[in-house]
N, C-alpha and C. Protein backbone atom coordinates (compact mmCIF):
# COMPACT_ATOMS: atom_id res chain seq x y z
N MET A 1 176.80 120.23 102.45
CA MET A 1 175.68 119.56 101.84
C MET A 1 175.60 118.16 102.30
N LYS A 2 173.79 117.74 103.10
CA LYS A 2 173.54 116.80 103.63
C LYS A 2 173.74 115.72 102.43
N THR A 3 174.00 114.41 103.51
CA THR A 3 174.21 113.11 103.22
C THR A 3 172.47 112.88 103.04
N LEU A 4 172.08 112.01 101.79
CA LEU A 4 170.93 111.65 101.65
C LEU A 4 170.92 110.28 102.16
N VAL A 5 170.26 109.58 103.17
CA VAL A 5 169.94 108.08 103.31
C VAL A 5 168.72 107.87 102.74
N ILE A 6 169.02 106.73 102.08
CA ILE A 6 167.44 106.11 101.50
C ILE A 6 167.22 104.98 102.45
N LEU A 7 166.86 104.68 103.17
CA LEU A 7 166.49 103.58 104.01
C LEU A 7 165.16 102.38 103.52
N ALA A 8 165.71 101.44 103.19
CA ALA A 8 164.55 100.61 102.50
C ALA A 8 164.59 99.66 103.52
N HIS A 9 163.60 99.36 104.46
CA HIS A 9 163.35 98.19 105.46
C HIS A 9 161.83 97.79 105.04
N PRO A 10 161.31 97.09 104.92
CA PRO A 10 159.98 96.95 105.03
C PRO A 10 159.59 96.39 105.92
N ASN A 11 160.21 96.44 107.23
CA ASN A 11 159.07 96.16 108.32
C ASN A 11 160.41 96.85 109.43
N LEU A 12 160.34 98.14 109.41
CA LEU A 12 161.63 98.95 110.57
C LEU A 12 161.00 98.74 111.58
N GLU A 13 159.87 98.49 112.29
CA GLU A 13 159.75 98.48 113.85
C GLU A 13 160.11 97.02 114.32
N ALA A 14 160.43 96.13 113.60
CA ALA A 14 160.69 94.75 113.97
C ALA A 14 162.45 94.40 113.76
N SER A 15 162.88 95.64 113.40
CA SER A 15 164.54 95.47 113.10
C SER A 15 164.99 96.65 114.33
N ARG A 16 165.85 95.36 114.93
CA ARG A 16 166.69 96.08 115.84
C ARG A 16 168.26 96.88 115.38
N VAL A 17 168.48 96.56 114.16
CA VAL A 17 169.89 97.11 113.20
C VAL A 17 169.29 98.35 112.71
N ASN A 18 168.36 98.26 112.09
CA ASN A 18 167.99 99.87 110.87
C ASN A 18 167.08 100.40 112.01
N ARG A 19 166.13 99.83 112.72
CA ARG A 19 165.86 101.10 113.37
C ARG A 19 166.84 101.90 114.62
N ARG A 20 167.84 101.17 115.09
CA ARG A 20 168.71 101.69 115.87
C ARG A 20 169.28 102.85 114.75
N TRP A 21 169.96 102.41 113.78
CA TRP A 21 170.66 103.24 112.87
C TRP A 21 169.59 104.50 112.45
N LYS A 22 168.74 104.24 112.45
CA LYS A 22 167.74 105.47 111.71
C LYS A 22 168.08 106.46 112.97
N ASN A 23 167.54 105.75 114.41
CA ASN A 23 167.60 106.87 115.51
C ASN A 23 168.82 107.32 115.76
N GLU A 24 169.63 107.09 115.56
CA GLU A 24 170.97 107.64 115.47
C GLU A 24 171.01 108.70 114.53
N LEU A 25 170.75 108.32 113.35
CA LEU A 25 170.67 108.97 112.03
C LEU A 25 170.03 110.65 112.62
N LEU A 26 168.69 110.49 113.29
CA LEU A 26 168.14 111.42 113.62
C LEU A 26 168.93 112.42 114.28
N GLN A 27 169.57 111.95 114.94
CA GLN A 27 170.50 112.80 115.80
C GLN A 27 170.86 114.17 115.31
N TYR A 28 171.32 114.11 113.82
CA TYR A 28 171.77 114.95 112.89
C TYR A 28 171.18 115.49 111.55
N PRO A 29 170.46 116.15 112.19
CA PRO A 29 169.14 116.60 111.46
C PRO A 29 169.99 117.49 109.98
N ASN A 30 171.04 118.30 110.52
CA ASN A 30 171.35 119.52 109.58
C ASN A 30 172.87 118.58 108.82
N GLU A 31 172.81 117.32 108.92
CA GLU A 31 174.26 117.01 107.85
C GLU A 31 173.35 115.47 107.09
N ILE A 32 172.24 114.95 108.14
CA ILE A 32 171.43 113.72 107.50
C ILE A 32 170.42 113.92 107.05
N ALA A 33 169.76 113.91 105.80
CA ALA A 33 168.55 113.42 105.48
C ALA A 33 168.03 112.12 105.41
N ILE A 34 166.54 111.70 106.38
CA ILE A 34 166.48 110.31 105.58
C ILE A 34 164.91 110.28 104.91
N HIS A 35 165.23 109.49 104.00
CA HIS A 35 163.95 108.90 103.36
C HIS A 35 163.82 107.53 103.16
N GLU A 36 162.41 107.16 103.82
CA GLU A 36 162.10 105.78 104.22
C GLU A 36 161.21 105.25 102.88
N ILE A 37 161.73 104.91 102.34
CA ILE A 37 160.77 104.04 100.88
C ILE A 37 159.61 103.73 101.10
N TYR A 38 159.67 102.47 102.01
CA TYR A 38 158.95 101.58 102.43
C TYR A 38 157.89 102.77 103.01
N LYS A 39 157.96 103.48 103.70
CA LYS A 39 157.32 104.44 104.49
C LYS A 39 156.57 105.16 103.33
N GLU A 40 157.32 105.78 102.31
CA GLU A 40 156.59 106.65 101.44
C GLU A 40 155.98 106.50 100.38
N TYR A 41 155.84 105.03 99.94
CA TYR A 41 155.64 104.28 99.16
C TYR A 41 154.80 102.93 99.37
N PRO A 42 153.97 103.11 100.15
CA PRO A 42 153.32 101.49 100.60
C PRO A 42 152.83 101.06 99.64
N ASP A 43 152.13 101.53 98.73
CA ASP A 43 151.47 101.16 97.31
C ASP A 43 152.60 100.54 96.11
N TRP A 44 153.98 101.42 96.28
CA TRP A 44 154.76 100.65 95.57
C TRP A 44 154.78 101.30 94.44
N THR A 45 154.14 102.73 94.50
CA THR A 45 154.01 103.35 93.28
C THR A 45 154.78 104.63 93.71
N ILE A 46 156.25 104.51 92.76
CA ILE A 46 157.46 105.66 93.28
C ILE A 46 157.11 106.99 92.50
N ASP A 47 157.25 107.83 92.92
CA ASP A 47 157.39 109.12 92.54
C ASP A 47 158.67 109.49 91.30
N VAL A 48 158.47 108.90 90.79
CA VAL A 48 159.99 109.20 89.50
C VAL A 48 160.74 110.23 89.93
N PRO A 49 159.85 111.60 89.59
CA PRO A 49 160.21 112.81 89.61
C PRO A 49 160.72 113.58 91.21
N ARG A 50 160.26 113.28 92.09
CA ARG A 50 160.28 113.44 93.63
C ARG A 50 161.56 112.57 93.61
N GLU A 51 162.19 111.84 93.31
CA GLU A 51 162.95 110.64 93.53
C GLU A 51 164.29 111.41 92.81
N GLN A 52 164.45 111.36 91.99
CA GLN A 52 165.24 111.89 90.52
C GLN A 52 165.38 113.23 91.25
N ASN A 53 164.84 114.31 91.66
CA ASN A 53 165.21 115.32 92.42
C ASN A 53 165.90 115.48 93.54
N LEU A 54 165.31 114.30 94.44
CA LEU A 54 166.27 114.09 95.30
C LEU A 54 167.28 113.65 95.72
N LEU A 55 167.93 112.64 94.34
CA LEU A 55 169.06 112.58 94.13
C LEU A 55 169.82 113.70 93.43
N GLU A 56 169.07 114.22 92.61
CA GLU A 56 169.96 115.49 91.95
C GLU A 56 170.64 116.31 92.92
N THR A 57 169.64 116.46 94.21
CA THR A 57 170.23 117.76 95.20
C THR A 57 171.24 116.97 96.26
N HIS A 58 171.53 115.63 96.27
CA HIS A 58 172.63 115.56 97.20
C HIS A 58 173.87 114.88 96.64
N SER A 59 174.82 114.60 96.82
CA SER A 59 176.16 114.76 96.11
C SER A 59 176.77 113.12 96.87
N HIS A 60 175.97 113.17 98.12
CA HIS A 60 176.37 111.89 98.69
C HIS A 60 175.08 111.35 99.24
N ILE A 61 175.04 110.02 98.89
CA ILE A 61 173.99 109.15 98.84
C ILE A 61 173.99 107.88 99.69
N VAL A 62 173.54 107.48 100.65
CA VAL A 62 173.96 106.25 101.53
C VAL A 62 172.67 105.54 101.07
N ILE A 63 172.42 104.01 100.81
CA ILE A 63 171.59 103.17 100.75
C ILE A 63 171.13 102.19 101.99
N GLN A 64 170.39 102.07 102.62
CA GLN A 64 170.53 101.79 104.06
C GLN A 64 169.36 100.54 103.55
N PHE A 65 169.76 99.23 104.23
CA PHE A 65 168.80 98.33 104.00
C PHE A 65 169.51 96.63 104.36
N PRO A 66 168.57 95.88 104.90
CA PRO A 66 168.88 94.60 105.44
C PRO A 66 169.42 93.89 104.11
N LEU A 67 170.22 93.27 104.17
CA LEU A 67 170.55 92.09 103.01
C LEU A 67 169.51 90.96 102.77
N TYR A 68 168.64 90.79 102.05
CA TYR A 68 167.90 90.18 101.42
C TYR A 68 168.74 89.00 100.23
N TRP A 69 168.54 87.55 101.03
CA TRP A 69 169.05 86.82 99.94
C TRP A 69 169.79 87.28 99.01
N TYR A 70 171.00 87.59 99.42
CA TYR A 70 172.14 88.27 99.02
C TYR A 70 171.74 89.33 98.12
N SER A 71 171.04 90.09 98.10
CA SER A 71 170.12 91.18 97.40
C SER A 71 169.53 92.18 97.96
N TYR A 72 168.94 93.18 97.25
CA TYR A 72 167.91 94.24 97.82
C TYR A 72 166.71 93.70 98.20
N PRO A 73 165.80 94.55 99.37
CA PRO A 73 164.36 94.18 99.53
C PRO A 73 163.95 94.35 97.94
N PRO A 74 163.00 94.03 98.12
CA PRO A 74 161.96 93.92 97.05
C PRO A 74 161.72 95.91 96.12
N LEU A 75 161.35 96.71 97.29
CA LEU A 75 160.80 97.69 96.93
C LEU A 75 161.79 98.65 96.15
N LEU A 76 163.48 98.28 96.96
CA LEU A 76 164.77 99.06 96.61
C LEU A 76 164.86 98.49 95.28
N LYS A 77 164.92 97.33 95.12
CA LYS A 77 164.83 96.79 93.39
C LYS A 77 164.29 98.00 92.58
N LYS A 78 162.73 97.70 93.07
CA LYS A 78 161.78 98.48 91.94
C LYS A 78 162.30 99.81 91.90
N TRP A 79 162.87 100.67 93.01
CA TRP A 79 162.99 101.93 93.09
C TRP A 79 164.02 102.01 92.22
N PHE A 80 165.55 101.38 92.28
CA PHE A 80 166.23 101.37 91.14
C PHE A 80 165.92 101.39 89.89
N ASP A 81 164.68 99.98 89.20
CA ASP A 81 164.17 100.11 87.89
C ASP A 81 163.70 101.51 87.51
N ASP A 82 162.88 101.97 88.57
CA ASP A 82 162.35 102.80 88.37
C ASP A 82 162.80 104.43 88.10
N VAL A 83 163.68 104.63 89.03
CA VAL A 83 164.46 105.98 89.27
C VAL A 83 165.79 105.67 88.34
N PHE A 84 166.45 105.39 88.46
CA PHE A 84 167.81 105.15 87.22
C PHE A 84 167.22 104.75 86.01
N THR A 85 166.45 106.07 85.33
CA THR A 85 165.86 105.65 83.97
C THR A 85 167.02 106.20 82.80
N HIS A 86 166.84 105.61 81.54
CA HIS A 86 167.45 106.01 80.32
C HIS A 86 167.12 107.39 80.11
N GLY A 87 168.29 107.98 80.04
CA GLY A 87 168.40 109.67 79.97
C GLY A 87 168.36 110.44 80.80
N TRP A 88 168.16 110.05 81.70
CA TRP A 88 168.86 110.72 83.08
C TRP A 88 169.48 110.17 83.70
N ALA A 89 169.61 108.75 84.16
CA ALA A 89 170.78 107.97 84.44
C ALA A 89 171.74 107.51 84.01
N TYR A 90 171.53 107.11 82.67
CA TYR A 90 172.36 106.77 81.64
C TYR A 90 171.76 107.34 80.52
N GLY A 91 172.98 106.69 79.46
CA GLY A 91 172.26 107.05 78.34
C GLY A 91 173.42 108.12 77.53
N SER A 92 173.22 108.34 76.28
CA SER A 92 173.68 109.70 75.63
C SER A 92 173.32 111.10 76.63
N THR A 93 172.42 111.24 76.97
CA THR A 93 172.19 112.06 77.75
C THR A 93 172.01 112.35 79.17
N GLY A 94 172.02 110.58 79.81
CA GLY A 94 171.77 110.94 81.19
C GLY A 94 172.64 110.38 81.80
N ASP A 95 173.23 111.91 82.63
CA ASP A 95 174.08 112.15 83.42
C ASP A 95 174.12 112.76 84.57
N LYS A 96 172.68 112.55 84.94
CA LYS A 96 172.58 113.43 86.44
C LYS A 96 172.94 112.79 87.41
N LEU A 97 173.44 111.53 87.56
CA LEU A 97 174.33 110.78 88.55
C LEU A 97 175.89 110.54 88.35
N LYS A 98 176.09 111.35 87.68
CA LYS A 98 177.71 111.36 87.10
C LYS A 98 178.23 112.11 88.20
N GLY A 99 179.28 111.27 88.81
CA GLY A 99 179.84 112.08 90.18
C GLY A 99 179.52 112.16 91.19
N LYS A 100 178.44 111.59 91.39
CA LYS A 100 177.48 111.65 92.85
C LYS A 100 178.70 110.42 93.25
N ARG A 101 178.44 110.14 94.98
CA ARG A 101 179.14 109.18 95.68
C ARG A 101 177.80 108.47 96.26
N PHE A 102 177.90 107.48 95.81
CA PHE A 102 176.88 106.40 96.44
C PHE A 102 177.60 105.06 97.59
N GLY A 103 176.84 105.00 98.73
CA GLY A 103 177.74 104.01 99.83
C GLY A 103 176.44 103.01 100.43
N LEU A 104 176.58 102.01 100.53
CA LEU A 104 175.72 101.27 100.93
C LEU A 104 175.90 100.82 102.37
N ALA A 105 175.05 100.99 103.60
CA ALA A 105 174.55 100.52 105.27
C ALA A 105 174.09 99.25 105.07
N LEU A 106 174.71 98.08 105.64
CA LEU A 106 174.21 96.90 105.41
C LEU A 106 173.98 95.99 106.74
N SER A 107 172.70 95.59 106.86
CA SER A 107 172.49 94.67 108.17
C SER A 107 172.62 93.50 107.50
N ILE A 108 173.57 92.68 108.20
CA ILE A 108 173.71 91.08 107.91
C ILE A 108 173.25 90.33 108.58
N GLY A 109 172.27 89.42 108.50
CA GLY A 109 171.79 88.27 109.27
C GLY A 109 173.12 87.61 109.71
N ASP A 110 173.95 87.15 108.90
CA ASP A 110 174.85 85.54 108.91
C ASP A 110 175.96 86.71 109.56
N LYS A 111 176.75 85.56 110.09
CA LYS A 111 178.11 86.10 110.98
C LYS A 111 178.88 86.22 109.63
N LYS A 112 179.72 86.99 110.15
CA LYS A 112 180.92 87.87 109.04
C LYS A 112 181.97 86.54 108.43
N GLU A 113 182.15 85.47 109.29
CA GLU A 113 182.99 84.58 108.83
C GLU A 113 182.46 83.54 107.50
N ASN A 114 181.18 83.78 107.34
CA ASN A 114 180.59 82.85 106.50
C ASN A 114 180.33 83.59 104.94
N TYR A 115 180.87 85.09 105.27
CA TYR A 115 181.35 85.77 104.00
C TYR A 115 182.26 86.07 103.55
N ARG A 116 183.34 84.66 103.54
CA ARG A 116 184.29 84.47 103.07
C ARG A 116 184.30 83.05 101.87
N PRO A 117 185.30 83.08 100.92
CA PRO A 117 185.52 81.93 100.24
C PRO A 117 185.40 80.78 100.30
N ASP A 118 185.69 80.18 101.81
CA ASP A 118 185.55 79.24 102.54
C ASP A 118 184.70 79.17 103.43
N GLY A 119 184.02 80.38 103.60
CA GLY A 119 182.63 80.31 104.56
C GLY A 119 181.33 79.52 103.95
N SER A 120 180.48 79.32 104.75
CA SER A 120 179.07 78.78 104.25
C SER A 120 178.58 79.40 102.95
N VAL A 121 178.53 80.67 102.93
CA VAL A 121 178.12 81.73 101.79
C VAL A 121 179.21 81.25 100.56
N SER A 122 180.21 81.40 100.81
CA SER A 122 181.11 81.39 99.57
C SER A 122 181.70 82.38 99.31
N PHE A 123 180.68 83.67 99.21
CA PHE A 123 181.33 84.82 98.63
C PHE A 123 181.42 85.80 99.55
N THR A 124 182.32 86.69 99.13
CA THR A 124 182.41 87.96 100.49
C THR A 124 181.24 88.98 100.08
N VAL A 125 180.86 89.87 100.53
CA VAL A 125 180.32 90.74 100.49
C VAL A 125 180.49 91.67 99.56
N GLU A 126 181.74 91.88 99.15
CA GLU A 126 182.28 92.68 98.07
C GLU A 126 181.45 91.82 96.90
N ASP A 127 181.97 90.65 96.78
CA ASP A 127 181.07 89.52 95.95
C ASP A 127 179.34 90.22 95.88
N VAL A 128 178.93 89.89 96.72
CA VAL A 128 177.40 89.87 96.72
C VAL A 128 176.92 91.76 96.50
N ILE A 129 177.78 92.63 96.28
CA ILE A 129 177.35 93.77 96.10
C ILE A 129 177.88 94.07 94.78
N VAL A 130 178.37 93.58 93.84
CA VAL A 130 178.60 93.36 92.33
C VAL A 130 177.53 94.13 91.62
N PRO A 131 176.51 94.01 91.31
CA PRO A 131 175.38 94.86 90.95
C PRO A 131 175.46 95.96 91.36
N PHE A 132 175.03 96.43 92.68
CA PHE A 132 175.45 97.90 93.12
C PHE A 132 176.42 98.50 92.33
N LYS A 133 177.69 98.03 92.54
CA LYS A 133 178.98 98.51 92.06
C LYS A 133 178.85 98.93 90.30
N ALA A 134 178.40 97.61 89.72
CA ALA A 134 177.97 97.63 88.50
C ALA A 134 177.41 99.14 87.95
N SER A 135 176.47 99.00 88.98
CA SER A 135 175.38 100.07 88.28
C SER A 135 175.78 101.56 88.65
N MET A 136 176.48 101.50 89.65
CA MET A 136 177.07 102.69 89.95
C MET A 136 178.18 103.40 88.78
N ARG A 137 178.92 102.50 87.93
CA ARG A 137 179.77 102.42 87.33
C ARG A 137 178.87 102.87 86.10
N HIS A 138 178.18 102.00 85.88
CA HIS A 138 177.00 102.33 84.42
C HIS A 138 176.83 104.18 84.59
N VAL A 139 176.48 104.47 85.63
CA VAL A 139 175.65 105.97 85.70
C VAL A 139 176.51 106.79 85.88
N GLY A 140 178.13 106.64 86.30
CA GLY A 140 179.09 107.24 86.23
C GLY A 140 179.44 108.21 87.54
N ALA A 141 178.53 107.18 88.61
CA ALA A 141 178.82 107.47 90.06
C ALA A 141 179.98 106.66 90.73
N GLU A 142 180.10 107.17 92.00
CA GLU A 142 181.52 106.71 92.58
C GLU A 142 180.69 105.66 93.74
N ALA A 143 181.11 104.21 93.51
CA ALA A 143 180.78 103.22 94.73
C ALA A 143 181.75 103.41 95.91
N LEU A 144 181.11 103.91 97.15
CA LEU A 144 182.20 104.03 97.98
C LEU A 144 182.09 102.53 98.92
N PRO A 145 183.08 102.16 99.73
CA PRO A 145 183.00 100.94 100.43
C PRO A 145 181.99 100.92 101.46
N TYR A 146 181.30 99.74 101.85
CA TYR A 146 180.19 99.45 102.48
C TYR A 146 180.28 99.74 103.62
N PHE A 147 179.42 99.79 104.52
CA PHE A 147 179.07 99.73 105.98
C PHE A 147 178.27 98.63 105.83
N ALA A 148 179.10 97.87 107.23
CA ALA A 148 177.96 96.60 107.30
C ALA A 148 178.39 96.31 109.04
N VAL A 149 176.99 95.42 109.58
CA VAL A 149 176.94 94.99 110.96
C VAL A 149 176.50 93.37 110.28
N PHE A 150 177.34 92.36 111.09
CA PHE A 150 176.79 91.05 110.38
C PHE A 150 176.12 90.72 112.41
N GLY A 151 175.56 89.53 111.30
CA GLY A 151 174.77 88.91 112.53
C GLY A 151 173.80 89.38 113.40
N ALA A 152 172.91 90.47 112.32
CA ALA A 152 171.66 91.43 112.76
C ALA A 152 170.54 90.56 113.46
N SER A 153 170.31 89.42 112.45
CA SER A 153 169.48 88.46 112.63
C SER A 153 169.29 87.82 114.41
N PHE A 154 170.49 87.39 114.58
CA PHE A 154 170.39 86.68 115.62
C PHE A 154 171.56 86.78 116.64
N GLN A 155 172.95 87.02 116.23
CA GLN A 155 173.81 86.87 117.29
C GLN A 155 174.14 88.22 117.59
N ALA A 156 173.77 89.54 117.20
CA ALA A 156 174.71 91.36 117.46
C ALA A 156 173.79 90.95 118.61
N SER A 157 174.99 91.55 119.96
CA SER A 157 174.12 92.12 121.01
C SER A 157 173.68 93.53 121.24
N ASP A 158 172.94 94.22 121.77
CA ASP A 158 172.03 95.26 121.83
C ASP A 158 173.58 96.55 121.87
N GLU A 159 174.71 95.81 122.55
CA GLU A 159 175.65 96.84 122.72
C GLU A 159 176.65 96.72 121.37
N GLU A 160 176.39 95.78 120.98
CA GLU A 160 177.21 95.96 119.24
C GLU A 160 176.17 96.77 118.46
N ILE A 161 174.91 96.71 118.64
CA ILE A 161 174.19 97.40 117.21
C ILE A 161 174.26 98.68 118.12
N HIS A 162 174.35 99.14 119.27
CA HIS A 162 174.40 100.53 119.88
C HIS A 162 176.11 100.87 119.20
N GLN A 163 177.26 100.36 119.27
CA GLN A 163 178.39 100.69 118.59
C GLN A 163 178.18 101.23 117.13
N SER A 164 177.65 99.55 116.94
CA SER A 164 177.50 100.14 115.48
C SER A 164 177.09 101.25 114.39
N ALA A 165 175.77 102.05 114.96
CA ALA A 165 175.06 102.66 114.98
C ALA A 165 175.88 104.27 115.03
N LYS A 166 176.89 104.25 116.33
CA LYS A 166 177.66 105.41 116.15
C LYS A 166 178.64 105.13 115.25
N ASP A 167 179.17 103.84 114.98
CA ASP A 167 180.15 103.56 113.62
C ASP A 167 179.48 104.29 112.44
N TYR A 168 178.34 103.98 111.90
CA TYR A 168 177.58 103.95 110.66
C TYR A 168 177.67 105.75 110.70
N VAL A 169 177.42 106.55 111.85
CA VAL A 169 177.48 108.20 111.68
C VAL A 169 178.85 108.40 111.26
N ASN A 170 180.07 107.65 111.97
CA ASN A 170 181.26 108.26 111.43
C ASN A 170 181.74 107.77 110.03
N TYR A 171 180.99 106.50 109.56
CA TYR A 171 181.06 106.48 108.41
C TYR A 171 180.62 107.17 106.97
N ILE A 172 179.32 107.77 107.56
CA ILE A 172 178.63 108.63 106.58
C ILE A 172 179.50 110.19 106.85
N GLY A 173 180.40 110.61 107.81
CA GLY A 173 180.71 111.37 107.85
C GLY A 173 182.21 111.58 107.63
N LYS A 174 182.97 110.47 107.21
CA LYS A 174 183.85 110.51 106.26
C LYS A 174 183.74 110.37 105.09
N TYR A 175 182.73 110.40 104.36
CA TYR A 175 182.43 110.61 103.06
C TYR A 175 181.57 112.18 102.49
N GLN A 176 181.36 112.73 103.67
CA GLN A 176 180.61 113.67 103.70
C GLN A 176 181.13 115.13 102.71
N ALA A 177 180.85 115.56 101.69
CA ALA A 177 181.35 116.84 101.17
C ALA A 177 182.08 118.08 101.83
């Protein structure tokens, strides 16, 4: 079964990392389906039944985005709020995501060493993604380890970004059913 990648970047053309990752993923159309929510919903009106159907038909989902102020880009937050509904994703009858595996693919602008308790951020990436992990637990899904590239804003070289794209495909393959 294909892995569904929910790509949430508000300006993909300006992104060195997410654009490169997308181009790498496009080389595997039989294994990976890419769904760009900023492209699909420029007016921010999310087709909830369509999104729920996409999630129902995939057991492995990766959410790819740039880390924005230690959180999700705004449309991705709205996507979660709209799509993960009571009675569908959670609640006494909400079991559609139960057992599904969700991963995160993060482009992080800052240096890796800053994401330590003694770094300038003072939190690890694991700390920052706690809301995602809590959400997955709440809906009965499995939160997979995250994949990330650091220095995406200004430090990562073209070679590092190119290698991260190859590593990203390997990350996806590791968790495919």
